[in-house]
Protein backbone atom coordinates (compact mmCIF):
# COMPACT_ATOMS: atom_id res chain seq x y z
CA MET A 1 -31.87 3.22 -20.33
CA GLY A 2 -32.21 -0.12 -22.10
CA SER A 3 -30.76 1.07 -25.41
CA ARG A 4 -27.84 2.72 -23.63
CA PHE A 5 -27.10 -0.54 -21.80
CA LEU A 6 -27.22 -2.46 -25.09
CA LEU A 7 -24.89 0.05 -26.73
CA LEU A 8 -22.39 -0.19 -23.87
CA PHE A 9 -22.63 -3.97 -23.88
CA ALA A 10 -22.10 -4.17 -27.64
CA LEU A 11 -19.20 -1.73 -27.58
CA SER A 12 -17.61 -3.50 -24.64
CA ALA A 13 -17.98 -6.88 -26.36
CA ALA A 14 -16.56 -5.52 -29.61
CA LEU A 15 -13.51 -4.05 -27.87
CA ALA A 16 -12.91 -6.98 -25.50
CA PRO A 17 -10.55 -8.77 -27.91
CA LEU A 18 -8.57 -5.56 -28.34
CA ARG A 19 -8.33 -5.02 -24.58
CA ALA A 20 -6.96 -8.54 -24.20
CA PHE A 21 -3.84 -7.33 -26.00
CA GLY A 22 -3.70 -4.24 -23.79
CA ALA A 23 -4.50 -0.71 -24.80
CA GLU A 24 -1.68 1.48 -26.02
CA PHE A 25 -0.38 4.09 -23.63
CA MET A 26 -0.93 7.65 -24.74
CA GLY A 27 1.38 9.28 -22.16
CA PRO A 28 0.62 11.86 -19.46
CA GLU A 29 0.72 14.74 -21.93
CA SER A 30 -2.41 13.40 -23.64
CA CYS A 31 -4.25 13.44 -20.29
CA LYS A 32 -3.17 17.05 -19.72
CA VAL A 33 -5.32 18.26 -22.62
CA CYS A 34 -8.59 17.54 -20.82
CA HIS A 35 -7.37 17.32 -17.22
CA PRO A 36 -4.86 20.18 -16.77
CA ALA A 37 -5.40 20.55 -13.01
CA ALA A 38 -5.09 16.80 -12.43
CA TYR A 39 -1.97 16.77 -14.61
CA ASP A 40 -0.40 19.57 -12.57
CA ALA A 41 -1.19 17.75 -9.31
CA TRP A 42 0.35 14.55 -10.70
CA ARG A 43 3.41 16.41 -12.06
CA ASP A 44 4.13 17.72 -8.56
CA SER A 45 3.70 14.27 -6.98
CA GLN A 46 6.32 11.65 -6.13
CA HIS A 47 4.85 9.34 -8.76
CA ALA A 48 5.84 11.75 -11.53
CA HIS A 49 9.45 11.62 -10.35
CA ALA A 50 9.62 8.01 -9.19
CA ALA A 51 12.49 6.96 -11.47
CA SER A 52 14.62 9.97 -10.58
CA ALA A 53 14.55 8.79 -6.93
CA LEU A 54 16.65 5.77 -7.94
CA SER A 55 20.44 5.57 -7.90
CA PRO A 56 22.27 4.68 -11.14
CA LYS A 57 22.64 1.11 -9.86
CA GLN A 58 18.90 0.87 -9.04
CA LEU A 59 18.03 2.18 -12.52
CA LYS A 60 19.45 -1.09 -13.86
CA ASP A 61 17.62 -3.28 -11.35
CA GLY A 62 14.35 -4.71 -12.65
CA ARG A 63 13.01 -5.08 -9.12
CA CYS A 64 13.27 -1.30 -8.64
CA LEU A 65 12.06 -0.40 -12.11
CA SER A 66 8.99 -2.63 -11.80
CA CYS A 67 7.57 0.00 -9.41
CA HIS A 68 9.50 3.19 -10.15
CA SER A 69 9.08 2.95 -13.93
CA PRO A 70 6.70 0.06 -14.63
CA GLU A 71 5.82 1.15 -18.15
CA GLN A 72 9.39 1.74 -19.31
CA ALA A 73 8.91 -0.81 -22.11
CA LYS A 74 6.14 1.46 -23.44
CA ASN A 75 8.48 4.49 -23.30
CA VAL A 76 6.73 5.91 -20.26
CA ALA A 77 9.15 6.83 -17.48
CA ASP A 78 8.09 7.14 -13.86
CA VAL A 79 4.57 6.31 -12.66
CA GLY A 80 2.20 8.06 -15.04
CA CYS A 81 -1.55 8.44 -15.29
CA GLU A 82 -1.99 5.22 -17.23
CA THR A 83 0.10 3.18 -14.80
CA CYS A 84 -2.86 3.46 -12.45
CA HIS A 85 -5.74 4.16 -14.85
CA GLY A 86 -4.82 1.72 -17.65
CA GLY A 87 -3.72 2.44 -21.21
CA GLY A 88 -5.82 5.25 -22.64
CA GLN A 89 -6.00 4.24 -26.27
CA TYR A 90 -9.72 3.45 -26.12
CA TYR A 91 -10.94 5.77 -23.39
CA ALA A 92 -8.91 8.89 -24.22
CA PRO A 93 -11.24 10.37 -26.88
CA ARG A 94 -13.24 13.21 -25.38
CA PHE A 95 -16.63 11.73 -26.33
CA VAL A 96 -15.73 8.55 -24.42
CA MET A 97 -14.43 10.38 -21.33
CA LYS A 98 -17.70 12.35 -21.11
CA ASP A 99 -19.47 9.06 -20.37
CA ALA A 100 -17.96 7.44 -17.26
CA GLU A 101 -19.69 4.10 -17.92
CA LEU A 102 -18.41 3.94 -21.46
CA ALA A 103 -14.89 4.96 -20.42
CA ARG A 104 -14.79 2.15 -17.86
CA ALA A 105 -16.27 -0.30 -20.35
CA VAL A 106 -13.41 0.35 -22.77
CA GLY A 107 -10.58 0.25 -20.26
CA LEU A 108 -10.49 3.18 -17.81
CA VAL A 109 -9.47 1.76 -14.43
CA ASP A 110 -10.47 3.18 -11.07
CA PRO A 111 -7.37 2.38 -9.00
CA SER A 112 -7.89 0.40 -5.83
CA GLU A 113 -5.90 -0.39 -2.71
CA LYS A 114 -5.06 -3.78 -4.22
CA MET A 115 -3.52 -2.05 -7.22
CA CYS A 116 -1.40 0.24 -5.01
CA LEU A 117 -0.21 -2.71 -2.95
CA LYS A 118 1.50 -4.16 -6.02
CA CYS A 119 4.31 -1.73 -5.23
CA HIS A 120 3.52 -0.38 -1.78
CA ASP A 121 3.77 -3.71 0.01
CA ALA A 122 5.85 -5.21 2.81
CA ASN A 123 8.77 -5.73 0.38
CA ALA A 124 8.99 -2.04 -0.48
CA PRO A 125 12.03 -0.39 1.09
CA SER A 126 9.96 1.93 3.25
CA LEU A 127 10.27 2.31 6.99
CA GLN A 128 6.55 2.97 7.41
CA PRO A 129 3.64 0.69 6.56
CA PHE A 130 1.45 1.71 3.64
CA LYS A 131 -1.85 3.19 4.79
CA PHE A 132 -4.06 3.43 1.73
CA VAL A 133 -6.53 6.08 2.95
CA GLU A 134 -3.74 8.39 4.13
CA LYS A 135 -1.63 7.92 1.01
CA LEU A 136 -4.60 8.44 -1.27
CA LYS A 137 -4.86 12.00 0.04
CA LEU A 138 -1.24 12.62 -1.06
CA ILE A 139 -2.04 11.81 -4.68
CA ASP A 140 -5.45 13.48 -4.80
CA HIS A 141 -5.60 14.89 -8.31
CA TRP A 142 -9.33 14.48 -8.85
CA SER A 143 -10.54 17.10 -6.34
CA VAL A 144 -8.46 19.79 -8.00
CA ASP A 145 -9.66 18.70 -11.43
CA ARG A 146 -13.31 18.65 -10.35
CA ALA A 147 -12.99 22.09 -8.75
CA ALA A 148 -11.50 23.49 -11.96
CA LYS A 149 -14.29 21.95 -14.06
CA LYS A 150 -16.92 23.35 -11.69
CA GLU A 151 -15.31 26.80 -11.94
CA ARG A 152 -15.38 26.64 -15.76
CA ARG A 153 -19.04 25.53 -15.74
CA GLU A 154 -20.01 28.38 -13.42
CA ALA A 155 -18.13 30.91 -15.56
CA ARG A 156 -19.96 29.66 -18.68
CA SER A 157 -23.30 29.89 -16.84
CA GLU A 158 -22.59 33.45 -15.72
CA LYS A 159 -21.55 34.44 -19.23
CA ALA A 160 -24.71 32.89 -20.70
CA ALA A 161 -26.86 34.66 -18.10
CA LYS A 162 -25.24 38.03 -18.92
CA GLU A 163 -25.78 37.47 -22.63
CA GLU A 164 -29.40 36.52 -22.00
CA LYS A 165 -30.27 39.67 -19.99
CA PRO A 166 -29.71 42.14 -22.86
CA GLU A 167 -31.84 39.94 -25.13
CA LYS A 168 -34.71 39.99 -22.63
CA ALA A 169 -34.37 43.75 -22.21
CA GLU A 170 -34.53 44.24 -25.99
CA LYS A 171 -37.61 42.01 -26.28
CA SER A 172 -39.43 43.80 -23.49
CA ALA A 173 -38.49 47.20 -24.94
CA LYS A 174 -39.90 46.16 -28.33
CA GLY A 175 -43.15 45.01 -26.73
CA LYS A 176 -43.79 48.33 -24.93
CA PRO A 177 -45.88 50.96 -26.76
CA SER A 178 -43.95 54.09 -27.67
CA GLN A 179 -44.88 57.33 -25.91
């Protein structure tokens, strides 16, 4: 426990100056590699098509683009994974993502209501007030991803169990005296 904490602390401290400049955005396609179910859920969401909801006039208005395509300067249209989760340059490698603490230490953001309210506030041209808990359900991409991961784990376990049974049968057959 102690050595892990020291490693995370050292890594976090070493990368802090880099994070101050902001991590590079990798784009939603890079997230798709490890999170295909979450990517599909996002792709079907309004966030994935936020810029296309704007009129040609609104596409030239910085006030609209600041929410509908906030990472346009980084060549990321719409509201992508990293708009909410932070630039993935440092947390995208698979070995980092397998360790939630490490991923957060190097820049992975767990979005909060405060973050959502940057766009979904009283100034947003919506007729209905923003209700975080209700809206969170509309963008739920983690449940689908977790279910898919669980399914893959169970399939691997079943496969391993099936492969193990013949080995046990062979060993027990070898141990029995011949008649």
